[in-house]
């Protein structure tokens, strides 16, 4: 009788070679035909089935002529193996039948994905239903990796961006933003900005944002300025949404937040810079028609 140990102990599965030999012999009802399918000699199949029977302490196949016969225990094991192998075969076919050119892996920041890309992806899927996008997100611009990616989206000067081919998505336009609640008492002017709490993103690519924004304005942040510092863009953005102070934002990235009234411009000042979000193709991406199509679409979105 085929038995399974009870209790907390997990039974060890028999060797896969033994199981596949038994499954083939049971399906063909023949050791010879099973051997031909597995490309081994008939005695090898017989030995493997015998070893499985010894390991399970159960008779599985009766060696009769012209066809082998399954015992009741053999029927139980064969049905389980057959169902499992069908599932495995389906999984293998799903993986191997996938057109590799259809799949595009995009490495991008969480901020760009959440604030800009996701709401627009429906238009891309409508235009290119045959392309499968996989978004690999990172919090910081500096932590991007080209490994395994077809597309990398970075915040950088276009000439310094990585990759074999690159296209500017949009250029940087710096604005000061805050929540409507924070601005309920009135929008600050540059002259009284020193009395307000400043939200500052300390990630290396944004560490000088306030200095760049205020350059030439006649105002600079002083040593007594109230400053809250963040090294995560999403936490920084949430602090602004919560009404914790005035933050530097990028107009195209925050268009949706401004349109819905979640954020408002705290100052009239707009500063254009020489950086922006750049869509870069890696070497493998440059060889992929699907990755090229995604880059062309993204470079022209909302143009």
C-alpha atoms as a PDB file:
ATOM      1  CA  UNK A   1       0.000   0.000   0.000  1.00  0.00           C
ATOM      2  CA  UNK A   2       1.268   3.496  -0.876  1.00  0.00           C
ATOM      3  CA  UNK A   3       1.634   5.475   2.354  1.00  0.00           C
ATOM      4  CA  UNK A   4       2.504   9.074   3.195  1.00  0.00           C
ATOM      5  CA  UNK A   5       4.087   9.829   6.579  1.00  0.00           C
ATOM      6  CA  UNK A   6       1.898  11.892   8.912  1.00  0.00           C
ATOM      7  CA  UNK A   7       2.868  14.520  11.476  1.00  0.00           C
ATOM      8  CA  UNK A   8       5.117  17.499  11.026  1.00  0.00           C
ATOM      9  CA  UNK A   9       7.733  15.739   8.898  1.00  0.00           C
ATOM     10  CA  UNK A  10       7.562  16.607   5.191  1.00  0.00           C
ATOM     11  CA  UNK A  11       8.053  13.478   3.040  1.00  0.00           C
ATOM     12  CA  UNK A  12      11.030  13.607   0.709  1.00  0.00           C
ATOM     13  CA  UNK A  13      10.055  13.376  -2.940  1.00  0.00           C
ATOM     14  CA  UNK A  14      11.625  10.512  -4.887  1.00  0.00           C
ATOM     15  CA  UNK A  15      14.296  11.216  -7.472  1.00  0.00           C
ATOM     16  CA  UNK A  16      12.851  12.882 -10.599  1.00  0.00           C
ATOM     17  CA  UNK A  17      14.442  10.269 -12.878  1.00  0.00           C
ATOM     18  CA  UNK A  18      12.574   7.524 -11.029  1.00  0.00           C
ATOM     19  CA  UNK A  19       9.278   9.381 -11.306  1.00  0.00           C
ATOM     20  CA  UNK A  20       9.648  10.160 -15.026  1.00  0.00           C
ATOM     21  CA  UNK A  21      10.627   6.547 -15.773  1.00  0.00           C
ATOM     22  CA  UNK A  22       7.549   5.303 -13.948  1.00  0.00           C
ATOM     23  CA  UNK A  23       5.282   7.879 -15.639  1.00  0.00           C
ATOM     24  CA  UNK A  24       6.500   6.889 -19.121  1.00  0.00           C
ATOM     25  CA  UNK A  25       6.188   3.150 -18.410  1.00  0.00           C
ATOM     26  CA  UNK A  26       2.719   3.632 -16.946  1.00  0.00           C
ATOM     27  CA  UNK A  27       1.564   5.795 -19.854  1.00  0.00           C
ATOM     28  CA  UNK A  28       2.850   3.388 -22.515  1.00  0.00           C
ATOM     29  CA  UNK A  29       2.100   0.285 -20.418  1.00  0.00           C
ATOM     30  CA  UNK A  30       5.462  -0.853 -21.754  1.00  0.00           C
ATOM     31  CA  UNK A  31       9.029  -0.644 -20.450  1.00  0.00           C
ATOM     32  CA  UNK A  32      10.421  -0.899 -23.989  1.00  0.00           C
ATOM     33  CA  UNK A  33       8.386   1.991 -25.359  1.00  0.00           C
ATOM     34  CA  UNK A  34       9.175   4.062 -22.274  1.00  0.00           C
ATOM     35  CA  UNK A  35      12.902   3.359 -22.823  1.00  0.00           C
ATOM     36  CA  UNK A  36      12.657   4.492 -26.443  1.00  0.00           C
ATOM     37  CA  UNK A  37      10.959   7.747 -25.400  1.00  0.00           C
ATOM     38  CA  UNK A  38      13.517   8.462 -22.678  1.00  0.00           C
ATOM     39  CA  UNK A  39      16.417   7.443 -24.953  1.00  0.00           C
ATOM     40  CA  UNK A  40      17.760   4.842 -22.521  1.00  0.00           C
ATOM     41  CA  UNK A  41      17.965   1.049 -22.515  1.00  0.00           C
ATOM     42  CA  UNK A  42      14.935  -0.960 -21.370  1.00  0.00           C
ATOM     43  CA  UNK A  43      16.730  -2.388 -18.289  1.00  0.00           C
ATOM     44  CA  UNK A  44      17.408   1.176 -17.106  1.00  0.00           C
ATOM     45  CA  UNK A  45      13.674   1.944 -17.031  1.00  0.00           C
ATOM     46  CA  UNK A  46      12.989  -1.332 -15.239  1.00  0.00           C
ATOM     47  CA  UNK A  47      15.667  -0.563 -12.614  1.00  0.00           C
ATOM     48  CA  UNK A  48      14.324   2.941 -12.024  1.00  0.00           C
ATOM     49  CA  UNK A  49      10.755   1.737 -11.547  1.00  0.00           C
ATOM     50  CA  UNK A  50      11.996  -0.989  -9.193  1.00  0.00           C
ATOM     51  CA  UNK A  51      13.992   1.591  -7.215  1.00  0.00           C
ATOM     52  CA  UNK A  52      10.898   3.790  -6.941  1.00  0.00           C
ATOM     53  CA  UNK A  53       8.822   0.859  -5.719  1.00  0.00           C
ATOM     54  CA  UNK A  54      11.471   0.039  -3.129  1.00  0.00           C
ATOM     55  CA  UNK A  55      11.644   3.659  -1.976  1.00  0.00           C
ATOM     56  CA  UNK A  56       7.844   3.868  -1.607  1.00  0.00           C
ATOM     57  CA  UNK A  57       7.493   0.319  -0.231  1.00  0.00           C
ATOM     58  CA  UNK A  58       4.687  -0.248  -2.719  1.00  0.00           C
ATOM     59  CA  UNK A  59       4.139  -2.256  -5.913  1.00  0.00           C
ATOM     60  CA  UNK A  60       3.303   0.122  -8.754  1.00  0.00           C
ATOM     61  CA  UNK A  61       3.530  -1.880 -11.986  1.00  0.00           C
ATOM     62  CA  UNK A  62       2.955  -5.556 -12.714  1.00  0.00           C
ATOM     63  CA  UNK A  63       5.397  -6.721 -15.404  1.00  0.00           C
ATOM     64  CA  UNK A  64       2.990  -8.667 -17.583  1.00  0.00           C
ATOM     65  CA  UNK A  65       2.827  -9.307 -21.331  1.00  0.00           C
ATOM     66  CA  UNK A  66       1.970  -7.841 -23.746  1.00  0.00           C
ATOM     67  CA  UNK A  67       1.333  -4.754 -21.582  1.00  0.00           C
ATOM     68  CA  UNK A  68       2.353  -3.822 -18.064  1.00  0.00           C
ATOM     69  CA  UNK A  69      -0.499  -3.311 -15.613  1.00  0.00           C
ATOM     70  CA  UNK A  70      -0.863  -0.603 -12.992  1.00  0.00           C
ATOM     71  CA  UNK A  71      -1.647  -1.585  -9.439  1.00  0.00           C
ATOM     72  CA  UNK A  72      -4.125   0.535  -7.432  1.00  0.00           C
ATOM     73  CA  UNK A  73      -1.175   2.384  -5.846  1.00  0.00           C
ATOM     74  CA  UNK A  74       0.330   2.816  -9.295  1.00  0.00           C
ATOM     75  CA  UNK A  75      -2.924   4.349 -10.543  1.00  0.00           C
ATOM     76  CA  UNK A  76      -2.881   6.887  -7.679  1.00  0.00           C
ATOM     77  CA  UNK A  77       0.697   7.948  -8.403  1.00  0.00           C
ATOM     78  CA  UNK A  78       0.254   7.946 -12.188  1.00  0.00           C
ATOM     79  CA  UNK A  79      -2.805  10.238 -12.055  1.00  0.00           C
ATOM     80  CA  UNK A  80      -0.931  12.703  -9.829  1.00  0.00           C
ATOM     81  CA  UNK A  81       2.167  12.668 -12.048  1.00  0.00           C
ATOM     82  CA  UNK A  82       0.147  13.052 -15.251  1.00  0.00           C
ATOM     83  CA  UNK A  83      -1.659  16.131 -13.937  1.00  0.00           C
ATOM     84  CA  UNK A  84       1.609  17.659 -12.715  1.00  0.00           C
ATOM     85  CA  UNK A  85       3.407  17.058 -16.003  1.00  0.00           C
ATOM     86  CA  UNK A  86       0.575  18.655 -17.972  1.00  0.00           C
ATOM     87  CA  UNK A  87       0.925  21.777 -15.795  1.00  0.00           C
ATOM     88  CA  UNK A  88       4.704  21.772 -16.194  1.00  0.00           C
ATOM     89  CA  UNK A  89       4.414  21.369 -19.964  1.00  0.00           C
ATOM     90  CA  UNK A  90       1.973  24.269 -20.139  1.00  0.00           C
ATOM     91  CA  UNK A  91       4.318  26.473 -18.128  1.00  0.00           C
ATOM     92  CA  UNK A  92       7.284  25.553 -20.338  1.00  0.00           C
ATOM     93  CA  UNK A  93       5.297  26.293 -23.503  1.00  0.00           C
ATOM     94  CA  UNK A  94       4.177  29.648 -22.086  1.00  0.00           C
ATOM     95  CA  UNK A  95       7.791  30.599 -21.376  1.00  0.00           C
ATOM     96  CA  UNK A  96       9.425  29.281 -24.536  1.00  0.00           C
ATOM     97  CA  UNK A  97       6.669  30.406 -26.919  1.00  0.00           C
ATOM     98  CA  UNK A  98       6.948  34.035 -25.783  1.00  0.00           C
ATOM     99  CA  UNK A  99       8.230  36.322 -28.491  1.00  0.00           C
ATOM    100  CA  UNK A 100      11.287  37.940 -26.872  1.00  0.00           C
ATOM    101  CA  UNK A 101      10.898  41.073 -28.971  1.00  0.00           C
ATOM    102  CA  UNK A 102       7.457  41.732 -27.495  1.00  0.00           C
ATOM    103  CA  UNK A 103       8.766  42.175 -23.935  1.00  0.00           C
ATOM    104  CA  UNK A 104      10.325  45.505 -22.981  1.00  0.00           C
ATOM    105  CA  UNK A 105      11.920  45.960 -19.551  1.00  0.00           C
ATOM    106  CA  UNK A 106      11.912  49.622 -18.468  1.00  0.00           C
ATOM    107  CA  UNK A 107      14.079  50.778 -15.547  1.00  0.00           C
ATOM    108  CA  UNK A 108      12.716  54.063 -14.154  1.00  0.00           C
ATOM    109  CA  UNK A 109      12.226  56.044 -10.953  1.00  0.00           C
ATOM    110  CA  UNK A 110       9.112  55.553  -8.852  1.00  0.00           C
ATOM    111  CA  UNK A 111       8.434  59.288  -9.139  1.00  0.00           C
ATOM    112  CA  UNK A 112       8.467  59.313 -12.940  1.00  0.00           C
ATOM    113  CA  UNK A 113       6.335  56.164 -13.069  1.00  0.00           C
ATOM    114  CA  UNK A 114       3.782  57.359 -10.504  1.00  0.00           C
ATOM    115  CA  UNK A 115       3.549  61.035 -11.401  1.00  0.00           C
ATOM    116  CA  UNK A 116       3.867  60.903 -15.183  1.00  0.00           C
ATOM    117  CA  UNK A 117       3.962  57.555 -16.941  1.00  0.00           C
ATOM    118  CA  UNK A 118       1.270  55.325 -15.432  1.00  0.00           C
ATOM    119  CA  UNK A 119      -1.698  57.537 -16.319  1.00  0.00           C
ATOM    120  CA  UNK A 120      -0.497  57.670 -19.929  1.00  0.00           C
ATOM    121  CA  UNK A 121       0.278  53.977 -20.417  1.00  0.00           C
ATOM    122  CA  UNK A 122      -3.246  53.212 -21.582  1.00  0.00           C
ATOM    123  CA  UNK A 123      -2.559  55.199 -24.748  1.00  0.00           C
ATOM    124  CA  UNK A 124       0.615  53.192 -25.384  1.00  0.00           C
ATOM    125  CA  UNK A 125      -1.158  49.863 -24.863  1.00  0.00           C
ATOM    126  CA  UNK A 126      -3.906  50.962 -27.234  1.00  0.00           C
ATOM    127  CA  UNK A 127      -1.335  51.871 -29.894  1.00  0.00           C
ATOM    128  CA  UNK A 128       0.870  48.803 -29.294  1.00  0.00           C
ATOM    129  CA  UNK A 129      -1.235  45.962 -27.832  1.00  0.00           C
ATOM    130  CA  UNK A 130       1.415  43.459 -28.965  1.00  0.00           C
ATOM    131  CA  UNK A 131       4.126  44.873 -26.649  1.00  0.00           C
ATOM    132  CA  UNK A 132       4.497  43.666 -23.045  1.00  0.00           C
ATOM    133  CA  UNK A 133       5.996  46.277 -20.694  1.00  0.00           C
ATOM    134  CA  UNK A 134       7.744  45.351 -17.454  1.00  0.00           C
ATOM    135  CA  UNK A 135       8.417  48.377 -15.224  1.00  0.00           C
ATOM    136  CA  UNK A 136      11.372  47.996 -12.834  1.00  0.00           C
ATOM    137  CA  UNK A 137      11.208  50.970 -10.480  1.00  0.00           C
ATOM    138  CA  UNK A 138      13.843  52.562  -8.278  1.00  0.00           C
ATOM    139  CA  UNK A 139      13.510  55.414  -5.800  1.00  0.00           C
ATOM    140  CA  UNK A 140      16.687  57.337  -6.636  1.00  0.00           C
ATOM    141  CA  UNK A 141      17.850  58.522 -10.039  1.00  0.00           C
ATOM    142  CA  UNK A 142      21.426  57.472  -9.283  1.00  0.00           C
ATOM    143  CA  UNK A 143      20.578  53.815  -8.595  1.00  0.00           C
ATOM    144  CA  UNK A 144      19.576  52.887 -12.150  1.00  0.00           C
ATOM    145  CA  UNK A 145      20.928  49.699 -13.704  1.00  0.00           C
ATOM    146  CA  UNK A 146      21.157  48.775 -17.368  1.00  0.00           C
ATOM    147  CA  UNK A 147      21.416  45.068 -16.482  1.00  0.00           C
ATOM    148  CA  UNK A 148      18.458  43.196 -17.917  1.00  0.00           C
ATOM    149  CA  UNK A 149      16.775  46.403 -19.107  1.00  0.00           C
ATOM    150  CA  UNK A 150      15.909  47.495 -22.628  1.00  0.00           C
ATOM    151  CA  UNK A 151      15.039  51.056 -21.595  1.00  0.00           C
ATOM    152  CA  UNK A 152      16.419  53.254 -18.795  1.00  0.00           C
ATOM    153  CA  UNK A 153      14.764  56.562 -17.911  1.00  0.00           C
ATOM    154  CA  UNK A 154      17.022  59.006 -16.052  1.00  0.00           C
ATOM    155  CA  UNK A 155      16.957  62.632 -14.921  1.00  0.00           C
ATOM    156  CA  UNK A 156      20.074  64.056 -16.549  1.00  0.00           C
ATOM    157  CA  UNK A 157      21.521  66.247 -19.281  1.00  0.00           C
ATOM    158  CA  UNK A 158      20.791  64.498 -22.554  1.00  0.00           C
ATOM    159  CA  UNK A 159      24.456  64.340 -23.561  1.00  0.00           C
ATOM    160  CA  UNK A 160      25.399  62.718 -20.242  1.00  0.00           C
ATOM    161  CA  UNK A 161      22.587  60.151 -20.225  1.00  0.00           C
ATOM    162  CA  UNK A 162      23.585  56.488 -20.652  1.00  0.00           C
ATOM    163  CA  UNK A 163      22.668  54.108 -23.431  1.00  0.00           C
ATOM    164  CA  UNK A 164      23.112  53.530 -27.138  1.00  0.00           C
ATOM    165  CA  UNK A 165      20.203  55.776 -28.203  1.00  0.00           C
ATOM    166  CA  UNK A 166      18.518  58.494 -26.148  1.00  0.00           C
ATOM    167  CA  UNK A 167      15.554  60.850 -26.508  1.00  0.00           C
ATOM    168  CA  UNK A 168      14.504  63.724 -24.268  1.00  0.00           C
ATOM    169  CA  UNK A 169      11.027  63.175 -22.804  1.00  0.00           C
ATOM    170  CA  UNK A 170      10.726  66.644 -21.329  1.00  0.00           C
ATOM    171  CA  UNK A 171      13.105  69.334 -20.107  1.00  0.00           C
ATOM    172  CA  UNK A 172      13.269  70.562 -16.542  1.00  0.00           C
ATOM    173  CA  UNK A 173      11.123  73.519 -15.516  1.00  0.00           C
ATOM    174  CA  UNK A 174      11.560  74.116 -11.806  1.00  0.00           C
ATOM    175  CA  UNK A 175       8.668  75.523  -9.789  1.00  0.00           C
ATOM    176  CA  UNK A 176       7.987  75.999  -6.077  1.00  0.00           C
ATOM    177  CA  UNK A 177       4.901  74.076  -4.940  1.00  0.00           C
ATOM    178  CA  UNK A 178       2.897  73.550  -1.773  1.00  0.00           C
ATOM    179  CA  UNK A 179      -0.467  72.149  -0.774  1.00  0.00           C
ATOM    180  CA  UNK A 180      -3.610  74.338  -0.877  1.00  0.00           C
ATOM    181  CA  UNK A 181      -3.857  73.948   2.890  1.00  0.00           C
ATOM    182  CA  UNK A 182      -0.363  75.285   3.401  1.00  0.00           C
ATOM    183  CA  UNK A 183      -1.087  78.235   1.108  1.00  0.00           C
ATOM    184  CA  UNK A 184      -4.476  78.997   2.677  1.00  0.00           C
ATOM    185  CA  UNK A 185      -3.010  81.999   4.482  1.00  0.00           C
ATOM    186  CA  UNK A 186      -1.621  83.366   1.208  1.00  0.00           C
ATOM    187  CA  UNK A 187       1.168  82.625  -1.223  1.00  0.00           C
ATOM    188  CA  UNK A 188       4.607  83.705  -0.059  1.00  0.00           C
ATOM    189  CA  UNK A 189       6.809  86.109  -1.967  1.00  0.00           C
ATOM    190  CA  UNK A 190      10.538  85.682  -2.416  1.00  0.00           C
ATOM    191  CA  UNK A 191      11.046  88.394   0.174  1.00  0.00           C
ATOM    192  CA  UNK A 192       9.281  86.491   2.944  1.00  0.00           C
ATOM    193  CA  UNK A 193      10.271  82.952   1.864  1.00  0.00           C
ATOM    194  CA  UNK A 194      12.695  82.893   4.793  1.00  0.00           C
ATOM    195  CA  UNK A 195       9.754  82.617   7.185  1.00  0.00           C
ATOM    196  CA  UNK A 196       8.530  79.397   5.558  1.00  0.00           C
ATOM    197  CA  UNK A 197       9.569  75.785   6.017  1.00  0.00           C
ATOM    198  CA  UNK A 198      11.540  74.543   3.025  1.00  0.00           C
ATOM    199  CA  UNK A 199      11.342  70.930   1.867  1.00  0.00           C
ATOM    200  CA  UNK A 200      14.651  69.820   0.375  1.00  0.00           C
ATOM    201  CA  UNK A 201      15.459  66.672  -1.594  1.00  0.00           C
ATOM    202  CA  UNK A 202      19.034  65.710  -0.692  1.00  0.00           C
ATOM    203  CA  UNK A 203      19.555  63.029  -3.365  1.00  0.00           C
ATOM    204  CA  UNK A 204      22.738  63.963  -5.247  1.00  0.00           C
ATOM    205  CA  UNK A 205      21.015  64.865  -8.534  1.00  0.00           C
ATOM    206  CA  UNK A 206      18.679  67.272  -6.677  1.00  0.00           C
ATOM    207  CA  UNK A 207      20.836  68.529  -3.806  1.00  0.00           C
ATOM    208  CA  UNK A 208      21.310  71.968  -5.456  1.00  0.00           C
ATOM    209  CA  UNK A 209      17.729  72.405  -6.673  1.00  0.00           C
ATOM    210  CA  UNK A 210      16.887  75.294  -4.353  1.00  0.00           C
ATOM    211  CA  UNK A 211      20.149  77.090  -5.152  1.00  0.00           C
ATOM    212  CA  UNK A 212      19.469  76.735  -8.895  1.00  0.00           C
ATOM    213  CA  UNK A 213      15.881  77.852  -8.466  1.00  0.00           C
ATOM    214  CA  UNK A 214      16.826  80.963  -6.470  1.00  0.00           C
ATOM    215  CA  UNK A 215      19.919  81.863  -8.505  1.00  0.00           C
ATOM    216  CA  UNK A 216      19.628  85.445  -9.729  1.00  0.00           C
ATOM    217  CA  UNK A 217      16.517  86.134  -7.649  1.00  0.00           C
ATOM    218  CA  UNK A 218      18.306  88.190  -4.997  1.00  0.00           C
ATOM    219  CA  UNK A 219      17.211  85.729  -2.281  1.00  0.00           C
ATOM    220  CA  UNK A 220      19.102  82.790  -0.800  1.00  0.00           C
ATOM    221  CA  UNK A 221      18.267  80.327   1.936  1.00  0.00           C
ATOM    222  CA  UNK A 222      19.845  81.476   5.168  1.00  0.00           C
ATOM    223  CA  UNK A 223      21.452  79.536   8.039  1.00  0.00           C
ATOM    224  CA  UNK A 224      18.310  79.942  10.152  1.00  0.00           C
ATOM    225  CA  UNK A 225      15.973  78.721   7.438  1.00  0.00           C
ATOM    226  CA  UNK A 226      13.585  75.998   8.554  1.00  0.00           C
ATOM    227  CA  UNK A 227      14.472  73.025   6.343  1.00  0.00           C
ATOM    228  CA  UNK A 228      13.143  69.456   6.257  1.00  0.00           C
ATOM    229  CA  UNK A 229      15.431  67.119   4.316  1.00  0.00           C
ATOM    230  CA  UNK A 230      14.509  63.956   2.412  1.00  0.00           C
ATOM    231  CA  UNK A 231      16.442  61.344   0.451  1.00  0.00           C
ATOM    232  CA  UNK A 232      13.357  59.699  -1.107  1.00  0.00           C
ATOM    233  CA  UNK A 233      11.392  61.549  -3.774  1.00  0.00           C
ATOM    234  CA  UNK A 234       8.094  59.863  -2.915  1.00  0.00           C
ATOM    235  CA  UNK A 235       8.406  60.758   0.783  1.00  0.00           C
ATOM    236  CA  UNK A 236       9.423  64.300  -0.225  1.00  0.00           C
ATOM    237  CA  UNK A 237       6.369  64.590  -2.486  1.00  0.00           C
ATOM    238  CA  UNK A 238       4.070  63.248   0.228  1.00  0.00           C
ATOM    239  CA  UNK A 239       5.415  65.832   2.670  1.00  0.00           C
ATOM    240  CA  UNK A 240       4.473  68.575   0.202  1.00  0.00           C
ATOM    241  CA  UNK A 241       1.024  67.039  -0.294  1.00  0.00           C
ATOM    242  CA  UNK A 242       0.603  66.880   3.491  1.00  0.00           C
ATOM    243  CA  UNK A 243       1.226  70.624   3.799  1.00  0.00           C
ATOM    244  CA  UNK A 244       4.582  70.383   5.549  1.00  0.00           C
ATOM    245  CA  UNK A 245       6.205  73.222   3.597  1.00  0.00           C
ATOM    246  CA  UNK A 246       7.314  74.545   0.210  1.00  0.00           C
ATOM    247  CA  UNK A 247       9.044  72.141  -2.180  1.00  0.00           C
ATOM    248  CA  UNK A 248      10.782  72.355  -5.542  1.00  0.00           C
ATOM    249  CA  UNK A 249       8.909  70.478  -8.259  1.00  0.00           C
ATOM    250  CA  UNK A 250       9.105  69.966 -12.009  1.00  0.00           C
ATOM    251  CA  UNK A 251       6.175  71.297 -13.984  1.00  0.00           C
ATOM    252  CA  UNK A 252       5.615  68.375 -16.391  1.00  0.00           C
ATOM    253  CA  UNK A 253       6.173  65.802 -13.648  1.00  0.00           C
ATOM    254  CA  UNK A 254       3.618  67.466 -11.365  1.00  0.00           C
ATOM    255  CA  UNK A 255       1.097  68.571 -14.013  1.00  0.00           C
ATOM    256  CA  UNK A 256      -1.484  66.078 -12.764  1.00  0.00           C
ATOM    257  CA  UNK A 257      -1.110  67.213  -9.135  1.00  0.00           C
ATOM    258  CA  UNK A 258      -1.497  70.843 -10.212  1.00  0.00           C
ATOM    259  CA  UNK A 259      -4.481  70.094 -12.452  1.00  0.00           C
ATOM    260  CA  UNK A 260      -6.340  68.262  -9.676  1.00  0.00           C
ATOM    261  CA  UNK A 261      -5.522  70.944  -7.103  1.00  0.00           C
ATOM    262  CA  UNK A 262      -3.511  68.651  -4.858  1.00  0.00           C
ATOM    263  CA  UNK A 263      -0.604  71.071  -5.235  1.00  0.00           C
ATOM    264  CA  UNK A 264      -0.400  74.738  -6.193  1.00  0.00           C
ATOM    265  CA  UNK A 265       2.436  76.939  -7.335  1.00  0.00           C
ATOM    266  CA  UNK A 266       3.758  78.722  -4.258  1.00  0.00           C
ATOM    267  CA  UNK A 267       5.676  81.346  -6.284  1.00  0.00           C
ATOM    268  CA  UNK A 268       5.273  82.780  -9.778  1.00  0.00           C
ATOM    269  CA  UNK A 269       8.903  81.990 -10.551  1.00  0.00           C
ATOM    270  CA  UNK A 270       9.670  79.311 -13.207  1.00  0.00           C
ATOM    271  CA  UNK A 271      13.276  78.334 -13.902  1.00  0.00           C
ATOM    272  CA  UNK A 272      14.240  76.373 -17.011  1.00  0.00           C
ATOM    273  CA  UNK A 273      17.383  74.245 -16.693  1.00  0.00           C
ATOM    274  CA  UNK A 274      19.508  72.105 -18.972  1.00  0.00           C
ATOM    275  CA  UNK A 275      18.393  68.780 -17.513  1.00  0.00           C
ATOM    276  CA  UNK A 276      15.335  66.677 -18.038  1.00  0.00           C
ATOM    277  CA  UNK A 277      13.940  63.161 -18.180  1.00  0.00           C
ATOM    278  CA  UNK A 278      15.749  61.199 -20.864  1.00  0.00           C
ATOM    279  CA  UNK A 279      14.593  57.864 -22.288  1.00  0.00           C
ATOM    280  CA  UNK A 280      17.677  55.763 -23.087  1.00  0.00           C
ATOM    281  CA  UNK A 281      17.960  52.481 -24.956  1.00  0.00           C
ATOM    282  CA  UNK A 282      20.505  49.957 -23.744  1.00  0.00           C
ATOM    283  CA  UNK A 283      22.423  47.860 -26.255  1.00  0.00           C
ATOM    284  CA  UNK A 284      19.785  45.133 -26.160  1.00  0.00           C
ATOM    285  CA  UNK A 285      17.046  47.770 -26.341  1.00  0.00           C
ATOM    286  CA  UNK A 286      18.549  49.331 -29.463  1.00  0.00           C
ATOM    287  CA  UNK A 287      18.178  45.929 -31.168  1.00  0.00           C
ATOM    288  CA  UNK A 288      14.531  45.570 -30.107  1.00  0.00           C
ATOM    289  CA  UNK A 289      11.848  46.989 -32.390  1.00  0.00           C
ATOM    290  CA  UNK A 290       9.444  47.041 -29.416  1.00  0.00           C
ATOM    291  CA  UNK A 291      11.851  49.026 -27.224  1.00  0.00           C
ATOM    292  CA  UNK A 292      12.417  51.494 -30.068  1.00  0.00           C
ATOM    293  CA  UNK A 293       8.647  51.878 -30.463  1.00  0.00           C
ATOM    294  CA  UNK A 294       8.265  52.601 -26.745  1.00  0.00           C
ATOM    295  CA  UNK A 295      11.036  55.220 -26.843  1.00  0.00           C
ATOM    296  CA  UNK A 296       9.476  56.964 -29.860  1.00  0.00           C
ATOM    297  CA  UNK A 297       6.060  56.992 -28.194  1.00  0.00           C
ATOM    298  CA  UNK A 298       7.401  58.321 -24.881  1.00  0.00           C
ATOM    299  CA  UNK A 299       9.460  61.049 -26.543  1.00  0.00           C
ATOM    300  CA  UNK A 300       6.322  62.322 -28.269  1.00  0.00           C
ATOM    301  CA  UNK A 301       3.744  61.848 -25.498  1.00  0.00           C
ATOM    302  CA  UNK A 302       1.724  64.983 -24.709  1.00  0.00           C
ATOM    303  CA  UNK A 303       3.876  66.869 -27.199  1.00  0.00           C
END
